[in-house]
Protein backbone atom coordinates (compact mmCIF):
# COMPACT_ATOMS: atom_id res chain seq x y z
CA MET A 1 96.01 168.78 -114.83
CA ALA A 2 92.59 170.22 -113.97
CA THR A 3 90.99 168.06 -116.66
CA ASN A 4 92.63 164.94 -115.23
CA ALA A 5 91.45 165.86 -111.73
CA LEU A 6 87.86 166.30 -112.95
CA ARG A 7 88.02 162.99 -114.79
CA SER A 8 89.34 161.30 -111.66
CA LEU A 9 86.49 162.76 -109.58
CA TRP A 10 83.95 161.73 -112.21
CA ALA A 11 85.27 158.16 -112.21
CA GLU A 12 85.40 157.92 -108.39
CA PRO A 13 83.59 154.71 -107.33
CA ARG A 14 81.23 154.35 -104.43
CA PRO A 15 82.78 153.67 -101.03
CA ALA A 16 82.81 150.00 -100.10
CA ARG A 17 80.33 148.48 -97.66
CA PRO A 18 77.81 151.33 -97.12
CA SER A 19 75.67 150.90 -94.03
CA ASP A 20 72.22 149.45 -94.67
CA ARG A 21 68.96 150.66 -93.09
CA ARG A 22 69.13 150.93 -89.31
CA PRO A 23 66.47 151.29 -86.59
CA ARG A 24 67.65 154.84 -85.88
CA ASP A 25 66.89 155.76 -89.51
CA TRP A 26 63.25 154.86 -89.01
CA ALA A 27 63.26 156.74 -85.72
CA LEU A 28 64.58 159.80 -87.56
CA VAL A 29 61.80 159.51 -90.13
CA ALA A 30 59.19 159.32 -87.38
CA VAL A 31 60.63 162.35 -85.56
CA LEU A 32 60.73 164.49 -88.72
CA ILE A 33 57.17 163.59 -89.73
CA CYS A 34 55.83 164.38 -86.26
CA TRP A 35 57.75 167.65 -86.28
CA SER A 36 56.26 168.54 -89.67
CA VAL A 37 52.67 167.76 -88.64
CA LEU A 38 53.02 169.73 -85.40
CA GLU A 39 54.50 172.76 -87.16
CA ALA A 40 51.87 172.68 -89.89
CA ALA A 41 49.15 172.68 -87.23
CA LEU A 42 50.64 175.61 -85.30
CA ARG A 43 51.73 177.92 -88.11
CA GLU A 44 49.37 179.88 -90.34
CA ASP A 45 51.71 181.47 -92.90
CA MET A 46 52.15 178.22 -94.81
CA ALA A 47 51.66 177.01 -98.34
CA PRO A 48 48.68 174.67 -98.89
CA LEU A 49 48.93 171.93 -96.26
CA PRO A 50 48.40 168.92 -98.60
CA LEU A 51 51.18 170.18 -100.84
CA LEU A 52 53.59 170.58 -97.92
CA LEU A 53 52.77 167.17 -96.51
CA VAL A 54 53.44 165.56 -99.89
CA ALA A 55 56.78 167.35 -99.99
CA VAL A 56 57.66 166.23 -96.48
CA LEU A 57 56.82 162.60 -97.22
CA ALA A 58 58.84 162.69 -100.46
CA VAL A 59 61.87 164.11 -98.65
CA VAL A 60 61.71 162.26 -95.35
CA ALA A 61 60.46 158.79 -96.31
CA PRO A 62 63.50 157.85 -98.51
CA LEU A 63 66.03 158.79 -95.79
CA PRO A 64 66.73 155.16 -94.72
CA TRP A 65 67.99 154.42 -98.28
CA ARG A 66 70.24 157.51 -98.54
CA ARG A 67 73.46 155.47 -98.07
CA THR A 68 72.72 152.62 -100.49
CA HIS A 69 70.89 154.66 -103.17
CA PRO A 70 72.09 158.26 -102.71
CA LEU A 71 71.32 159.52 -106.23
CA VAL A 72 67.81 158.03 -106.36
CA VAL A 73 66.96 159.48 -102.95
CA SER A 74 68.37 162.88 -103.99
CA ALA A 75 66.44 162.86 -107.25
CA VAL A 76 63.15 161.98 -105.52
CA ALA A 77 63.60 164.45 -102.67
CA PHE A 78 64.92 167.46 -104.56
CA GLY A 79 62.74 166.78 -107.59
CA THR A 80 59.66 166.89 -105.37
CA VAL A 81 60.62 170.07 -103.50
CA THR A 82 61.49 171.69 -106.83
CA VAL A 83 57.97 171.01 -108.10
CA VAL A 84 56.53 172.30 -104.82
CA ASP A 85 58.54 175.52 -105.07
CA LEU A 86 57.45 176.00 -108.68
CA VAL A 87 53.83 175.76 -107.49
CA ARG A 88 54.61 178.27 -104.76
CA VAL A 89 56.09 180.66 -107.33
CA LEU A 90 52.99 180.36 -109.55
CA THR A 91 50.49 180.68 -106.69
CA GLY A 92 52.41 183.25 -104.67
CA SER A 93 52.19 181.21 -101.45
CA GLN A 94 54.92 181.33 -98.84
CA GLY A 95 56.30 179.18 -96.06
CA THR A 96 58.14 175.88 -95.86
CA LEU A 97 58.64 173.27 -93.17
CA PRO A 98 62.09 173.34 -91.53
CA SER A 99 61.91 169.57 -91.08
CA SER A 100 62.07 169.08 -94.85
CA VAL A 101 65.05 171.45 -95.04
CA ALA A 102 66.86 169.40 -92.36
CA ALA A 103 66.14 166.21 -94.33
CA THR A 104 67.51 167.72 -97.56
CA LEU A 105 70.71 168.66 -95.73
CA LEU A 106 71.11 165.02 -94.63
CA ILE A 107 70.49 163.83 -98.18
CA THR A 108 73.08 166.28 -99.54
CA TYR A 109 75.62 165.01 -97.02
CA ALA A 110 74.85 161.36 -97.90
CA LEU A 111 75.13 162.05 -101.63
CA PHE A 112 78.75 163.17 -101.29
CA ARG A 113 79.58 160.68 -98.54
CA TRP A 114 78.26 157.53 -100.21
CA GLY A 115 77.69 158.34 -103.89
CA SER A 116 80.03 157.75 -106.79
CA GLY A 117 81.59 160.66 -108.65
CA ARG A 118 78.94 160.55 -111.37
CA GLU A 119 76.15 160.38 -108.79
CA ALA A 120 77.55 163.30 -106.79
CA ALA A 121 77.91 165.48 -109.88
CA SER A 122 74.41 164.65 -111.15
CA GLY A 123 72.86 165.16 -107.72
CA LEU A 124 74.67 168.48 -107.29
CA GLY A 125 73.08 169.73 -110.49
CA VAL A 126 69.60 168.90 -109.16
CA ILE A 127 70.40 170.57 -105.81
CA LEU A 128 71.66 173.77 -107.44
CA LEU A 129 68.55 173.93 -109.65
CA TRP A 130 66.30 173.59 -106.61
CA LEU A 131 68.26 176.25 -104.71
CA ALA A 132 67.78 178.72 -107.56
CA ILE A 133 64.02 178.09 -107.67
CA THR A 134 63.53 178.15 -103.90
CA CYS A 135 65.35 181.47 -103.64
CA VAL A 136 62.77 182.91 -106.06
CA ALA A 137 59.92 181.27 -104.13
CA GLU A 138 61.08 182.63 -100.78
CA THR A 139 61.74 186.20 -102.09
CA GLY A 140 64.37 186.68 -99.42
CA SER A 141 67.38 188.99 -99.25
CA VAL A 142 70.69 188.36 -100.94
CA ALA A 143 72.24 187.42 -97.60
CA GLU A 144 69.57 184.77 -97.06
CA MET A 145 70.17 183.37 -100.53
CA VAL A 146 73.92 183.19 -99.90
CA ALA A 147 73.32 181.56 -96.53
CA GLY A 148 71.08 178.94 -98.16
CA TYR A 149 73.72 178.05 -100.72
CA ALA A 150 76.39 178.00 -98.00
CA PHE A 151 74.41 175.53 -95.86
CA PHE A 152 74.04 173.00 -98.65
CA LEU A 153 77.57 173.43 -99.95
CA PHE A 154 78.84 172.91 -96.39
CA ALA A 155 76.83 169.68 -96.13
CA ALA A 156 78.30 168.50 -99.43
CA ALA A 157 81.84 169.45 -98.40
CA LEU A 158 81.41 167.71 -95.03
CA GLY A 159 80.27 164.50 -96.71
CA ALA A 160 83.21 164.58 -99.14
CA ALA A 161 85.70 165.33 -96.36
CA ILE A 162 84.54 162.43 -94.17
CA ARG A 163 84.48 160.16 -97.22
CA TYR A 164 88.12 160.88 -98.11
CA ARG A 165 89.23 160.84 -94.48
CA THR A 166 87.80 157.32 -94.19
CA LYS A 167 89.43 156.35 -97.47
CA ILE A 168 92.84 157.55 -96.28
CA ARG A 169 92.40 155.75 -92.97
CA VAL A 170 91.57 152.47 -94.75
CA ARG A 171 94.60 152.95 -97.00
CA ASP A 172 96.86 153.56 -94.01
CA ILE A 173 95.53 150.44 -92.30
CA ASP A 174 96.15 148.37 -95.44
CA GLN A 175 99.69 149.73 -95.70
CA ALA A 176 100.35 148.92 -92.04
CA LYS A 177 99.06 145.38 -92.58
CA ALA A 178 101.31 145.01 -95.64
CA ARG A 179 104.34 146.17 -93.64
CA GLU A 180 103.50 143.72 -90.86
CA ARG A 181 103.18 140.89 -93.40
CA GLU A 182 106.56 141.80 -94.90
CA LEU A 183 108.15 141.86 -91.44
CA LEU A 184 106.61 138.52 -90.51
CA ALA A 185 107.63 136.96 -93.84
CA ARG A 186 111.20 138.21 -93.41
CA GLU A 187 111.45 136.90 -89.86
CA LEU A 188 110.01 133.52 -90.79
CA HIS A 189 112.33 133.22 -93.77
CA ASP A 190 115.41 134.24 -91.82
CA THR A 191 114.69 131.99 -88.83
CA VAL A 192 112.55 129.00 -89.73
CA ALA A 193 113.73 128.66 -93.33
CA HIS A 194 117.36 128.76 -92.19
CA HIS A 195 116.91 125.88 -89.76
CA VAL A 196 114.71 123.87 -92.13
CA SER A 197 117.34 124.21 -94.86
CA GLY A 198 119.95 122.93 -92.43
CA ILE A 199 117.71 120.01 -91.50
CA ALA A 200 117.22 119.10 -95.17
CA ILE A 201 120.97 119.27 -95.87
CA GLN A 202 121.85 117.14 -92.85
CA ALA A 203 119.14 114.64 -93.71
CA GLN A 204 120.54 114.27 -97.22
CA ALA A 205 124.07 113.85 -95.87
CA GLY A 206 122.95 111.31 -93.27
CA ARG A 207 121.11 109.29 -95.88
CA ALA A 208 124.17 109.26 -98.15
CA VAL A 209 126.55 107.95 -95.47
CA ALA A 210 124.15 105.78 -93.47
CA ALA A 211 125.25 102.52 -95.07
CA SER A 212 129.02 103.09 -95.07
CA HIS A 213 129.46 105.31 -91.98
CA PRO A 214 126.63 104.78 -89.50
CA GLU A 215 128.37 106.91 -86.88
CA ARG A 216 128.28 109.94 -89.19
CA ALA A 217 124.58 109.34 -89.81
CA ILE A 218 124.04 109.46 -86.05
CA GLU A 219 125.93 112.77 -85.91
CA ALA A 220 123.68 114.09 -88.66
CA LEU A 221 120.61 113.07 -86.65
CA ALA A 222 121.97 114.95 -83.63
CA VAL A 223 122.41 118.08 -85.75
CA ILE A 224 118.86 117.66 -87.09
CA GLU A 225 117.51 117.33 -83.57
CA ASP A 226 119.30 120.49 -82.46
CA ALA A 227 118.08 122.46 -85.50
CA ALA A 228 114.52 121.24 -84.99
CA THR A 229 114.62 122.30 -81.34
CA ARG A 230 115.85 125.79 -82.28
CA THR A 231 113.17 126.05 -84.97
CA LEU A 232 110.44 125.14 -82.51
CA THR A 233 111.76 127.63 -79.96
CA GLU A 234 111.84 130.51 -82.43
CA LEU A 235 108.43 129.59 -83.82
CA ARG A 236 106.99 129.69 -80.31
CA ALA A 237 108.60 133.09 -79.73
CA ILE A 238 107.10 134.49 -82.95
CA VAL A 239 103.67 133.03 -82.24
CA GLY A 240 103.84 134.44 -78.71
CA VAL A 241 104.48 137.91 -80.09
CA LEU A 242 101.65 137.59 -82.61
CA ARG A 243 99.19 136.46 -79.94
CA SER A 244 100.19 139.21 -77.53
CA ALA A 245 97.84 142.20 -77.35
CA GLN A 246 100.71 144.51 -76.41
CA ASP A 247 102.77 146.49 -78.90
CA THR A 248 106.01 144.55 -78.75
CA GLU A 249 108.79 143.61 -81.10
CA PHE A 250 110.14 140.21 -81.94
CA ALA A 251 112.23 139.11 -78.98
CA PRO A 252 114.73 138.04 -77.97
CA ARG A 253 116.83 139.62 -80.66
CA PRO A 254 120.07 137.97 -81.71
CA SER A 255 123.28 140.00 -81.56
CA VAL A 256 126.55 140.23 -83.43
CA ALA A 257 128.30 138.02 -80.87
CA GLU A 258 125.98 135.16 -81.81
CA VAL A 259 127.31 135.14 -85.37
CA GLU A 260 130.12 132.94 -84.03
CA ARG A 261 127.56 130.13 -83.68
CA PHE A 262 127.72 129.65 -87.45
CA ALA A 263 131.32 128.46 -87.29
CA THR A 264 131.66 124.70 -87.90
CA GLU A 265 134.29 122.07 -87.40
CA GLY A 266 136.56 121.04 -90.24
CA ARG A 267 134.72 117.81 -91.01
CA THR A 268 131.54 119.64 -92.04
CA ARG A 269 131.47 120.78 -95.65
CA PRO A 270 131.53 123.52 -96.46
CA ARG A 271 133.47 124.62 -93.43
CA VAL A 272 132.27 127.94 -91.99
CA GLU A 273 134.83 130.32 -90.52
CA VAL A 274 133.78 133.39 -88.55
CA ARG A 275 135.92 136.44 -87.80
CA LEU A 276 134.76 139.34 -85.62
CA SER A 277 136.97 142.42 -85.38
CA GLY A 278 136.86 146.12 -84.65
CA GLU A 279 134.40 148.03 -82.49
CA LEU A 280 131.35 145.82 -82.13
CA ASP A 281 130.22 146.94 -78.68
CA ASP A 282 127.25 149.27 -78.14
CA LEU A 283 125.68 148.53 -81.50
CA SER A 284 122.01 149.34 -81.93
CA PRO A 285 119.97 146.19 -81.14
CA ALA A 286 118.33 146.46 -84.56
CA VAL A 287 121.72 146.62 -86.28
CA GLY A 288 123.08 143.68 -84.29
CA ALA A 289 120.02 141.59 -85.12
CA ALA A 290 120.26 142.58 -88.79
CA ILE A 291 123.94 141.54 -89.00
CA TYR A 292 123.06 138.18 -87.45
CA ARG A 293 120.14 137.59 -89.84
CA LEU A 294 122.12 138.65 -92.89
CA ALA A 295 124.97 136.31 -91.95
CA GLN A 296 122.51 133.52 -91.23
CA GLU A 297 120.81 133.81 -94.61
CA SER A 298 124.14 134.13 -96.45
CA VAL A 299 125.52 130.95 -94.86
CA THR A 300 122.29 129.11 -95.67
CA ASN A 301 122.44 130.23 -99.31
CA ALA A 302 126.09 129.16 -99.57
CA ARG A 303 125.27 125.69 -98.26
CA ARG A 304 122.36 125.31 -100.64
CA HIS A 305 123.67 126.85 -103.83
CA ALA A 306 127.50 126.99 -103.76
CA ARG A 307 128.54 123.98 -105.84
CA HIS A 308 131.71 122.20 -104.68
CA ALA A 309 132.27 124.84 -101.98
CA THR A 310 134.74 123.85 -99.26
CA ARG A 311 134.82 127.02 -97.20
CA VAL A 312 132.54 129.89 -96.25
CA THR A 313 134.13 132.91 -94.58
CA VAL A 314 132.03 135.27 -92.47
CA ALA A 315 133.74 138.52 -91.46
CA VAL A 316 132.19 141.27 -89.34
CA THR A 317 134.18 144.48 -88.87
CA GLY A 318 133.10 147.50 -86.88
CA ASP A 319 134.43 151.04 -86.77
CA THR A 320 133.26 154.31 -85.25
CA ASP A 321 130.47 154.94 -87.79
CA GLN A 322 129.43 151.65 -89.35
CA VAL A 323 129.68 147.89 -89.29
CA ARG A 324 130.52 145.77 -92.33
CA LEU A 325 129.54 142.17 -93.02
CA THR A 326 131.16 140.11 -95.77
CA VAL A 327 130.39 136.48 -96.53
CA ASP A 328 132.55 134.71 -99.14
CA ASP A 329 132.47 131.15 -100.42
CA ASP A 330 134.75 129.32 -102.84
CA GLY A 331 132.00 127.52 -104.72
CA SER A 332 132.08 126.89 -108.44
CA ALA A 333 130.52 129.44 -110.72
CA ALA A 334 129.60 126.79 -113.29
CA GLY A 335 125.89 126.80 -113.99
CA GLY A 336 125.44 130.02 -112.02
CA ARG A 337 123.51 130.44 -108.83
CA ALA A 338 119.85 130.00 -108.16
CA PRO A 339 117.72 132.98 -109.24
CA ALA A 340 117.13 135.68 -106.66
CA GLY A 341 114.32 134.63 -104.33
CA TYR A 342 112.75 135.93 -101.17
CA GLY A 343 116.02 135.55 -99.27
CA LEU A 344 117.93 138.19 -101.22
CA VAL A 345 114.85 140.43 -101.33
CA GLY A 346 114.49 140.23 -97.55
CA MET A 347 118.22 140.87 -97.01
CA ARG A 348 118.14 143.93 -99.23
CA GLU A 349 115.01 145.25 -97.46
CA ARG A 350 116.53 144.64 -94.03
CA ALA A 351 119.66 146.63 -94.91
CA ALA A 352 117.68 149.45 -96.55
CA LEU A 353 115.39 149.85 -93.53
CA LEU A 354 118.44 150.59 -91.39
CA GLY A 355 119.94 153.04 -93.86
CA GLY A 356 122.62 150.63 -95.07
CA THR A 357 123.71 149.11 -98.36
CA PHE A 358 123.60 145.52 -99.58
CA HIS A 359 125.24 143.74 -102.49
CA ALA A 360 125.37 140.10 -103.54
CA GLY A 361 127.11 138.73 -106.61
CA PRO A 362 130.04 136.75 -108.00
CA ALA A 363 133.37 137.41 -106.34
CA ALA A 364 136.31 138.74 -108.35
CA ALA A 365 138.29 135.49 -108.27
CA ARG A 366 135.98 132.62 -107.40
CA GLY A 367 132.75 131.95 -105.61
CA TRP A 368 130.11 134.33 -104.34
CA ARG A 369 130.28 137.38 -102.09
CA VAL A 370 127.64 139.02 -99.93
CA GLU A 371 128.46 142.43 -98.51
CA ALA A 372 126.38 144.65 -96.26
CA VAL A 373 127.32 147.95 -94.62
CA LEU A 374 125.08 149.32 -91.86
CA PRO A 375 125.35 152.45 -89.70
CA ARG A 376 126.04 151.62 -86.06
CA THR A 377 122.87 153.28 -84.80
CA GLY A 378 120.56 152.33 -87.69
CA ALA A 379 118.47 154.68 -89.81
CA PRO A 380 116.19 157.18 -88.04
CA ARG A 381 112.58 156.00 -87.99
């Protein structure tokens, strides 16, 4: 497990879209250089001034590129200060500029914030080598050495923490967008697709009887007009919700009582019969809307795919704990049904989100049965 974790860290890619050079980066460079020159002029216990100025320029000047080229900047900066500290060890000189130390802390942070796993590991090796040499050059106490290591390890840990916090936030945003897309797709399929399917069926029927029974063709046109009006109304409601800046749900929500709208007269084939029984009052709005959508999609599927069907029966029964929906048709099983599409997927998801069960398949005797059982109050969110 540890080996796999190390391999995963080693293969970690760079974060996407690192920030490029900004005006404040150049302002930071200017401030650090001025600080270094002022301190070098005021202090006397310093290493040779030209050597320190070279070190400051090597550390501070690459700062604007620390996000886009973190390993190169780290190699240049820490490689230079390592050489400077080696010279200090050989010559016995003391003193460093705090401005260069501040810049190296920023570079360490950027290496673990913006570098890949390979870059971070390689840069860490250079940093640890420099820390070992600078501890010898400074000839400080053990506590000072530990504090030096702690500062740079803290900068590295802070960069890694912010990096992964941002990564998790981006992942959460992507997941939220995916859930919203699924919800929108399910609503569009269950509303618009239902009415459009009805329009297509009525148009086909009207075309078939237009020559022999013009009056029935006119009835079909009336049904098409009504379905088109409902489709436009629901589309406007969905678009209104999407354009709204407030956190709101799709509204208005249909209820169980509106399932009776699917019932048709005997002259329409297949005839749809609706039966509501039991305790259907005080249902959760989400459960009522789900029963309506499940019944709607089931009736649409029966009209489209049930060959030679003459009757579709929709039954909704409620008791103290749950509500049950069954939709049966007497269509022919010859040739099977159409393969499972987005409709069945959306129905199954809708039932699962509310803590219910869903099943669709051939009935025992003839035709096709859809059955869903939902708790009255829905699943806890």
